């Protein structure tokens, strides 16, 4: 049938194009320099000791304002708390705060 021939021709053309794209996508391995200069090995410096975190007295609400995402969720909770129809949305936002 003419339709089958067209479909086979289209499939062959698609397979050919896919092979061409794969061949173009192959990245050659990086070239190594012809001559590498010998590097004297130096011992790695020890990692710096972690500095103690500054002890700041934070309010219980200060935890919520540490990152922008929590602040946005809190703002949405405040804005939507006045509407009585969005209880599911409020619970979902509370869940995101956890």
Protein backbone atom coordinates (compact mmCIF):
# COMPACT_ATOMS: atom_id res chain seq x y z
CA UNK A 1 0.00 0.00 0.00
CA UNK A 2 1.18 3.54 -0.64
CA UNK A 3 0.54 4.53 3.00
CA UNK A 4 2.78 1.74 4.30
CA UNK A 5 5.58 2.77 1.95
CA UNK A 6 5.34 6.37 3.11
CA UNK A 7 5.36 5.28 6.75
CA UNK A 8 8.42 3.06 6.21
CA UNK A 9 10.17 5.86 4.38
CA UNK A 10 9.41 8.29 7.21
CA UNK A 11 10.65 5.81 9.82
CA UNK A 12 13.88 5.22 7.91
CA UNK A 13 14.39 8.97 7.55
CA UNK A 14 13.79 9.49 11.28
CA UNK A 15 16.25 6.71 12.16
CA UNK A 16 18.86 8.21 9.84
CA UNK A 17 18.45 11.66 11.40
CA UNK A 18 18.68 10.18 14.89
CA UNK A 19 21.96 8.44 14.00
CA UNK A 20 23.32 11.70 12.57
CA UNK A 21 22.40 13.61 15.71
CA UNK A 22 24.01 10.96 17.92
CA UNK A 23 27.17 11.05 15.84
CA UNK A 24 27.35 14.85 16.16
CA UNK A 25 26.66 14.69 19.88
CA UNK A 26 29.63 12.46 20.61
CA UNK A 27 32.23 14.57 22.33
CA UNK A 28 35.84 13.65 21.61
CA UNK A 29 37.96 12.86 24.67
CA UNK A 30 40.01 15.80 25.92
CA UNK A 31 43.50 16.01 24.53
CA UNK A 32 46.32 15.45 26.95
CA UNK A 33 49.24 17.85 26.79
CA UNK A 34 52.26 16.40 25.02
CA UNK A 35 54.51 16.97 27.98
CA UNK A 36 53.43 17.48 31.55
CA UNK A 37 55.73 19.37 33.86
CA UNK A 38 56.48 17.36 36.99
CA UNK A 39 54.90 18.96 39.99
CA UNK A 40 56.50 18.66 43.40
CA UNK A 41 54.02 17.14 45.75
CA UNK A 42 53.11 19.42 48.58
CA UNK A 43 51.18 18.17 51.55
CA UNK A 44 47.68 19.54 51.61
CA UNK A 45 47.21 22.18 54.29
CA UNK A 46 44.92 21.03 57.09
CA UNK A 47 41.39 22.34 56.77
CA UNK A 48 40.72 25.38 58.91
CA UNK A 49 39.06 24.65 62.20
CA UNK A 50 35.37 25.50 62.07
CA UNK A 51 34.75 28.72 63.86
CA UNK A 52 32.15 28.50 66.59
CA UNK A 53 28.81 29.91 65.59
CA UNK A 54 28.03 33.20 67.26
CA UNK A 55 25.57 32.57 70.03
CA UNK A 56 22.66 34.80 69.35
CA UNK A 57 19.49 34.70 71.31
CA UNK A 58 16.78 34.19 68.74
CA UNK A 59 13.13 34.63 69.32
CA UNK A 60 10.88 31.62 68.69
CA UNK A 61 9.61 33.32 65.53
CA UNK A 62 13.16 34.07 64.36
CA UNK A 63 13.46 30.49 63.13
CA UNK A 64 10.71 31.12 60.57
CA UNK A 65 12.44 34.16 59.09
CA UNK A 66 15.81 32.52 58.43
CA UNK A 67 15.13 31.83 54.77
CA UNK A 68 13.07 33.53 52.10
CA UNK A 69 10.87 30.54 51.31
CA UNK A 70 9.55 30.29 54.85
CA UNK A 71 8.94 34.02 54.94
CA UNK A 72 6.88 33.85 51.74
CA UNK A 73 4.86 30.92 53.08
CA UNK A 74 4.20 32.79 56.31
CA UNK A 75 3.05 35.84 54.36
CA UNK A 76 0.68 33.65 52.34
CA UNK A 77 -0.66 32.11 55.52
CA UNK A 78 -1.36 35.54 56.97
CA UNK A 79 -3.05 36.76 53.80
CA UNK A 80 -5.21 33.67 53.34
CA UNK A 81 -6.14 33.21 56.99
CA UNK A 82 -8.93 35.77 56.67
CA UNK A 83 -10.73 33.71 54.03
CA UNK A 84 -12.76 30.81 55.32
CA UNK A 85 -12.90 28.83 52.06
CA UNK A 86 -9.21 27.96 51.79
CA UNK A 87 -8.75 25.59 54.72
CA UNK A 88 -7.08 22.94 52.55
CA UNK A 89 -4.63 25.49 51.21
CA UNK A 90 -3.83 26.70 54.72
CA UNK A 91 -3.12 23.15 55.89
CA UNK A 92 -0.91 22.57 52.84
CA UNK A 93 1.07 25.72 53.63
CA UNK A 94 1.43 24.67 57.27
CA UNK A 95 2.75 21.32 56.05
CA UNK A 96 5.35 23.10 53.91
CA UNK A 97 6.59 24.96 56.96
CA UNK A 98 7.45 21.70 58.73
